[in-house]
Amino acid sequence: MKKIISLLFLVALSSCDQNHSNEKFEKKTVENKYSLSVPESLGVTTELNDQASLQLQNQFDEFYVIVIDELKSDFVNAIENNLLNTTPDLDGYYNATLNNFKKSGLKDFKLYDVKKKKINSSSAIVFSVSGISDGFNVFYRFAIVQGKNRYYQIMSWTEASKEKQYTERMNRILDSFNVEEAGYSKSKNRLAKDRTKK
């Protein structure tokens, strides 16, 4: 009898919807800085990155998300003090982030699918990275987003073997990111105001 129950359990697990197309998402808002939508199956943690303002994980799915936000003024100061050799703009922040990523010890570092775009009217650079971390093949989907006073790094990752399975899910998270800084006016809103003046 125990064998039959075990077999039924395995069949039930294997028949679960693995593409996550129908999963429920929930909105997470952090300190009047930003919000994003994430799968309800992700739980809050504090073990992924000390610098992150939001850390989420589902260890069963081997799926992780963090958001790091940094004041633009700190970034500019680092450039002015010759701590970073880059430009004080979104492209420069992207380059600095990429350089830090390369220095993190990721082996067989591969960068691909780089795209400049708008995410909810905010300028962003989205890209993918794969490599080997601590002996595991890992896939990362990343966005760098420019706010009024801050830059944001949104990173999701999983096993490299699950890249195709989770890319759409990761993109949905990245595309939901919304800057909510006080006084932040998005270009779309400014255009709408300009049209009403004419």
Foldseek 3Di string as FASTA:
>chain_A
DVVVVVVVVVVVVVPDDLLCPPFDWDWDDFDLFKIWIAGPQWDWDCPDDVQFSTWTDDVVQQKIKTKHKDFLVVVVVCVVVVVADADSDQVRVVVVVVVVVVVPPFAPKDKDPWDWDAQQQWTKIWIKIWGADPRFTKIKTWMWTDWDGIIMIMIMMGGPVCCVSCVVNSVNRVSRMDTRHPPTDGPVNVVVVVVVVD
